[in-house]
Amino acid sequence: MSVILILLIASISIAALFLFAFLWGVKSGQFEDDYSPSSRILFDDKPASSKKQ
């Protein structure tokens, strides 16, 4: 019975940690820009300037 109690406390602690990390990410604006990552691949990067000697 004690093993079940330890596993229950551990799983609730890990779930609370992930919930805290998710809420922190939402509050800090990690999920604000949902358009540009999908369209960023369509645009070419500017070519790097190469210096010839």
PDB file of N, CA and C in Angstrom:
ATOM      1  N   MET A   1       0.822  -1.201   0.000  1.00  0.00           N
ATOM      2  CA  MET A   1       0.000   0.000   0.000  1.00  0.00           C
ATOM      3  C   MET A   1       0.859   1.254   0.000  1.00  0.00           C
ATOM      4  N   SER A   2       2.020   1.186   0.652  1.00  0.00           N
ATOM      5  CA  SER A   2       2.877   2.368   0.734  1.00  0.00           C
ATOM      6  C   SER A   2       3.481   2.724  -0.629  1.00  0.00           C
ATOM      7  N   VAL A   3       3.700   1.700  -1.475  1.00  0.00           N
ATOM      8  CA  VAL A   3       4.248   1.956  -2.810  1.00  0.00           C
ATOM      9  C   VAL A   3       3.239   2.734  -3.646  1.00  0.00           C
ATOM     10  N   ILE A   4       1.969   2.390  -3.528  1.00  0.00           N
ATOM     11  CA  ILE A   4       0.928   3.103  -4.265  1.00  0.00           C
ATOM     12  C   ILE A   4       0.865   4.558  -3.810  1.00  0.00           C
ATOM     13  N   LEU A   5       0.997   4.780  -2.545  1.00  0.00           N
ATOM     14  CA  LEU A   5       0.977   6.149  -2.017  1.00  0.00           C
ATOM     15  C   LEU A   5       2.174   6.953  -2.524  1.00  0.00           C
ATOM     16  N   ILE A   6       3.340   6.331  -2.546  1.00  0.00           N
ATOM     17  CA  ILE A   6       4.546   7.020  -3.046  1.00  0.00           C
ATOM     18  C   ILE A   6       4.398   7.339  -4.531  1.00  0.00           C
ATOM     19  N   LEU A   7       3.896   6.377  -5.315  1.00  0.00           N
ATOM     20  CA  LEU A   7       3.710   6.619  -6.746  1.00  0.00           C
ATOM     21  C   LEU A   7       2.644   7.673  -7.006  1.00  0.00           C
ATOM     22  N   LEU A   8       1.604   7.694  -6.204  1.00  0.00           N
ATOM     23  CA  LEU A   8       0.565   8.697  -6.353  1.00  0.00           C
ATOM     24  C   LEU A   8       1.105  10.096  -6.057  1.00  0.00           C
ATOM     25  N   ILE A   9       1.878  10.239  -5.006  1.00  0.00           N
ATOM     26  CA  ILE A   9       2.475  11.535  -4.670  1.00  0.00           C
ATOM     27  C   ILE A   9       3.463  11.966  -5.753  1.00  0.00           C
ATOM     28  N   ALA A  10       4.255  11.030  -6.253  1.00  0.00           N
ATOM     29  CA  ALA A  10       5.230  11.362  -7.295  1.00  0.00           C
ATOM     30  C   ALA A  10       4.528  11.790  -8.582  1.00  0.00           C
ATOM     31  N   SER A  11       3.477  11.081  -8.974  1.00  0.00           N
ATOM     32  CA  SER A  11       2.794  11.434 -10.219  1.00  0.00           C
ATOM     33  C   SER A  11       2.058  12.761 -10.106  1.00  0.00           C
ATOM     34  N   ILE A  12       1.475  13.031  -8.959  1.00  0.00           N
ATOM     35  CA  ILE A  12       0.816  14.334  -8.768  1.00  0.00           C
ATOM     36  C   ILE A  12       1.841  15.453  -8.766  1.00  0.00           C
ATOM     37  N   SER A  13       3.009  15.206  -8.184  1.00  0.00           N
ATOM     38  CA  SER A  13       4.065  16.229  -8.180  1.00  0.00           C
ATOM     39  C   SER A  13       4.558  16.526  -9.598  1.00  0.00           C
ATOM     40  N   ILE A  14       4.756  15.488 -10.389  1.00  0.00           N
ATOM     41  CA  ILE A  14       5.220  15.682 -11.767  1.00  0.00           C
ATOM     42  C   ILE A  14       4.149  16.376 -12.596  1.00  0.00           C
ATOM     43  N   ALA A  15       2.887  16.006 -12.406  1.00  0.00           N
ATOM     44  CA  ALA A  15       1.798  16.663 -13.128  1.00  0.00           C
ATOM     45  C   ALA A  15       1.708  18.135 -12.746  1.00  0.00           C
ATOM     46  N   ALA A  16       1.888  18.453 -11.474  1.00  0.00           N
ATOM     47  CA  ALA A  16       1.870  19.854 -11.030  1.00  0.00           C
ATOM     48  C   ALA A  16       3.044  20.623 -11.627  1.00  0.00           C
ATOM     49  N   LEU A  17       4.192  19.984 -11.747  1.00  0.00           N
ATOM     50  CA  LEU A  17       5.360  20.630 -12.351  1.00  0.00           C
ATOM     51  C   LEU A  17       5.094  20.960 -13.823  1.00  0.00           C
ATOM     52  N   PHE A  18       4.519  20.008 -14.569  1.00  0.00           N
ATOM     53  CA  PHE A  18       4.202  20.265 -15.969  1.00  0.00           C
ATOM     54  C   PHE A  18       3.113  21.329 -16.115  1.00  0.00           C
ATOM     55  N   LEU A  19       2.143  21.328 -15.228  1.00  0.00           N
ATOM     56  CA  LEU A  19       1.111  22.361 -15.266  1.00  0.00           C
ATOM     57  C   LEU A  19       1.719  23.733 -15.002  1.00  0.00           C
ATOM     58  N   PHE A  20       2.619  23.825 -14.038  1.00  0.00           N
ATOM     59  CA  PHE A  20       3.298  25.090 -13.752  1.00  0.00           C
ATOM     60  C   PHE A  20       4.119  25.557 -14.952  1.00  0.00           C
ATOM     61  N   ALA A  21       4.840  24.628 -15.596  1.00  0.00           N
ATOM     62  CA  ALA A  21       5.651  24.990 -16.766  1.00  0.00           C
ATOM     63  C   ALA A  21       4.773  25.464 -17.916  1.00  0.00           C
ATOM     64  N   PHE A  22       3.632  24.809 -18.118  1.00  0.00           N
ATOM     65  CA  PHE A  22       2.718  25.222 -19.184  1.00  0.00           C
ATOM     66  C   PHE A  22       2.135  26.596 -18.900  1.00  0.00           C
ATOM     67  N   LEU A  23       1.690  26.827 -17.684  1.00  0.00           N
ATOM     68  CA  LEU A  23       1.118  28.129 -17.337  1.00  0.00           C
ATOM     69  C   LEU A  23       2.167  29.231 -17.420  1.00  0.00           C
ATOM     70  N   TRP A  24       3.400  28.937 -17.044  1.00  0.00           N
ATOM     71  CA  TRP A  24       4.486  29.915 -17.156  1.00  0.00           C
ATOM     72  C   TRP A  24       4.753  30.239 -18.626  1.00  0.00           C
ATOM     73  N   GLY A  25       4.715  29.221 -19.486  1.00  0.00           N
ATOM     74  CA  GLY A  25       4.922  29.448 -20.914  1.00  0.00           C
ATOM     75  C   GLY A  25       3.816  30.277 -21.528  1.00  0.00           C
ATOM     76  N   VAL A  26       2.585  30.040 -21.123  1.00  0.00           N
ATOM     77  CA  VAL A  26       1.463  30.824 -21.635  1.00  0.00           C
ATOM     78  C   VAL A  26       1.565  32.264 -21.156  1.00  0.00           C
ATOM     79  N   LYS A  27       1.924  32.455 -19.900  1.00  0.00           N
ATOM     80  CA  LYS A  27       2.015  33.807 -19.352  1.00  0.00           C
ATOM     81  C   LYS A  27       3.159  34.600 -19.970  1.00  0.00           C
ATOM     82  N   SER A  28       4.255  33.922 -20.316  1.00  0.00           N
ATOM     83  CA  SER A  28       5.407  34.628 -20.877  1.00  0.00           C
ATOM     84  C   SER A  28       5.295  34.833 -22.386  1.00  0.00           C
ATOM     85  N   GLY A  29       4.217  34.330 -23.007  1.00  0.00           N
ATOM     86  CA  GLY A  29       3.992  34.602 -24.421  1.00  0.00           C
ATOM     87  C   GLY A  29       4.621  33.610 -25.368  1.00  0.00           C
ATOM     88  N   GLN A  30       4.918  32.409 -24.931  1.00  0.00           N
ATOM     89  CA  GLN A  30       5.540  31.418 -25.789  1.00  0.00           C
ATOM     90  C   GLN A  30       4.612  30.964 -26.911  1.00  0.00           C
ATOM     91  N   PHE A  31       3.314  31.059 -26.722  1.00  0.00           N
ATOM     92  CA  PHE A  31       2.359  30.545 -27.689  1.00  0.00           C
ATOM     93  C   PHE A  31       1.613  31.660 -28.407  1.00  0.00           C
ATOM     94  N   GLU A  32       2.168  32.849 -28.429  1.00  0.00           N
ATOM     95  CA  GLU A  32       1.505  33.996 -29.046  1.00  0.00           C
ATOM     96  C   GLU A  32       1.513  33.919 -30.572  1.00  0.00           C
ATOM     97  N   ASP A  33       2.641  33.591 -31.160  1.00  0.00           N
ATOM     98  CA  ASP A  33       2.801  33.642 -32.614  1.00  0.00           C
ATOM     99  C   ASP A  33       2.555  32.262 -33.204  1.00  0.00           C
ATOM    100  N   ASP A  34       1.353  32.024 -33.696  1.00  0.00           N
ATOM    101  CA  ASP A  34       1.067  30.716 -34.257  1.00  0.00           C
ATOM    102  C   ASP A  34       0.983  30.746 -35.783  1.00  0.00           C
ATOM    103  N   TYR A  35       1.193  31.885 -36.403  1.00  0.00           N
ATOM    104  CA  TYR A  35       1.122  31.975 -37.862  1.00  0.00           C
ATOM    105  C   TYR A  35       2.490  31.891 -38.520  1.00  0.00           C
ATOM    106  N   SER A  36       3.447  32.653 -38.034  1.00  0.00           N
ATOM    107  CA  SER A  36       4.709  32.769 -38.764  1.00  0.00           C
ATOM    108  C   SER A  36       5.545  31.492 -38.801  1.00  0.00           C
ATOM    109  N   PRO A  37       5.527  30.609 -37.804  1.00  0.00           N
ATOM    110  CA  PRO A  37       6.333  29.395 -37.961  1.00  0.00           C
ATOM    111  C   PRO A  37       5.900  28.528 -39.141  1.00  0.00           C
ATOM    112  N   SER A  38       4.613  28.513 -39.440  1.00  0.00           N
ATOM    113  CA  SER A  38       4.163  27.686 -40.556  1.00  0.00           C
ATOM    114  C   SER A  38       4.469  28.326 -41.897  1.00  0.00           C
ATOM    115  N   SER A  39       4.588  29.627 -41.957  1.00  0.00           N
ATOM    116  CA  SER A  39       4.858  30.286 -43.235  1.00  0.00           C
ATOM    117  C   SER A  39       6.323  30.687 -43.385  1.00  0.00           C
ATOM    118  N   ARG A  40       7.090  30.564 -42.344  1.00  0.00           N
ATOM    119  CA  ARG A  40       8.500  30.958 -42.407  1.00  0.00           C
ATOM    120  C   ARG A  40       9.289  30.087 -43.373  1.00  0.00           C
ATOM    121  N   ILE A  41       8.897  28.830 -43.503  1.00  0.00           N
ATOM    122  CA  ILE A  41       9.623  27.923 -44.389  1.00  0.00           C
ATOM    123  C   ILE A  41       9.443  28.311 -45.857  1.00  0.00           C
ATOM    124  N   LEU A  42       8.402  29.069 -46.180  1.00  0.00           N
ATOM    125  CA  LEU A  42       8.133  29.435 -47.568  1.00  0.00           C
ATOM    126  C   LEU A  42       9.031  30.559 -48.072  1.00  0.00           C
ATOM    127  N   PHE A  43       9.634  31.317 -47.184  1.00  0.00           N
ATOM    128  CA  PHE A  43      10.465  32.454 -47.569  1.00  0.00           C
ATOM    129  C   PHE A  43      11.930  32.058 -47.572  1.00  0.00           C
ATOM    130  N   ASP A  44      12.648  32.530 -48.593  1.00  0.00           N
ATOM    131  CA  ASP A  44      14.072  32.235 -48.686  1.00  0.00           C
ATOM    132  C   ASP A  44      14.854  33.148 -47.755  1.00  0.00           C
ATOM    133  N   ASP A  45      15.953  32.620 -47.253  1.00  0.00           N
ATOM    134  CA  ASP A  45      16.858  33.436 -46.456  1.00  0.00           C
ATOM    135  C   ASP A  45      17.678  34.317 -47.380  1.00  0.00           C
ATOM    136  N   LYS A  46      18.145  35.434 -46.865  1.00  0.00           N
ATOM    137  CA  LYS A  46      19.026  36.291 -47.651  1.00  0.00           C
ATOM    138  C   LYS A  46      20.360  35.584 -47.785  1.00  0.00           C
ATOM    139  N   PRO A  47      20.928  35.602 -48.985  1.00  0.00           N
ATOM    140  CA  PRO A  47      22.223  34.916 -49.144  1.00  0.00           C
ATOM    141  C   PRO A  47      23.318  35.623 -48.355  1.00  0.00           C
ATOM    142  N   ALA A  48      24.213  34.837 -47.831  1.00  0.00           N
ATOM    143  CA  ALA A  48      25.322  35.385 -47.066  1.00  0.00           C
ATOM    144  C   ALA A  48      26.293  36.066 -48.028  1.00  0.00           C
ATOM    145  N   SER A  49      26.800  37.197 -47.593  1.00  0.00           N
ATOM    146  CA  SER A  49      27.749  37.903 -48.453  1.00  0.00           C
ATOM    147  C   SER A  49      29.101  37.201 -48.402  1.00  0.00           C
ATOM    148  N   SER A  50      29.626  36.875 -49.542  1.00  0.00           N
ATOM    149  CA  SER A  50      30.934  36.188 -49.590  1.00  0.00           C
ATOM    150  C   SER A  50      31.968  37.170 -50.123  1.00  0.00           C
ATOM    151  N   LYS A  51      33.073  37.212 -49.459  1.00  0.00           N
ATOM    152  CA  LYS A  51      34.170  38.103 -49.876  1.00  0.00           C
ATOM    153  C   LYS A  51      35.166  37.302 -50.688  1.00  0.00           C
ATOM    154  N   LYS A  52      35.394  37.742 -51.928  1.00  0.00           N
ATOM    155  CA  LYS A  52      36.372  37.071 -52.782  1.00  0.00           C
ATOM    156  C   LYS A  52      37.690  37.799 -52.674  1.00  0.00           C
ATOM    157  N   GLN A  53      38.749  37.009 -52.640  1.00  0.00           N
ATOM    158  CA  GLN A  53      40.081  37.615 -52.505  1.00  0.00           C
ATOM    159  C   GLN A  53      40.833  37.582 -53.796  1.00  0.00           C
TER     160      GLN A  53
END
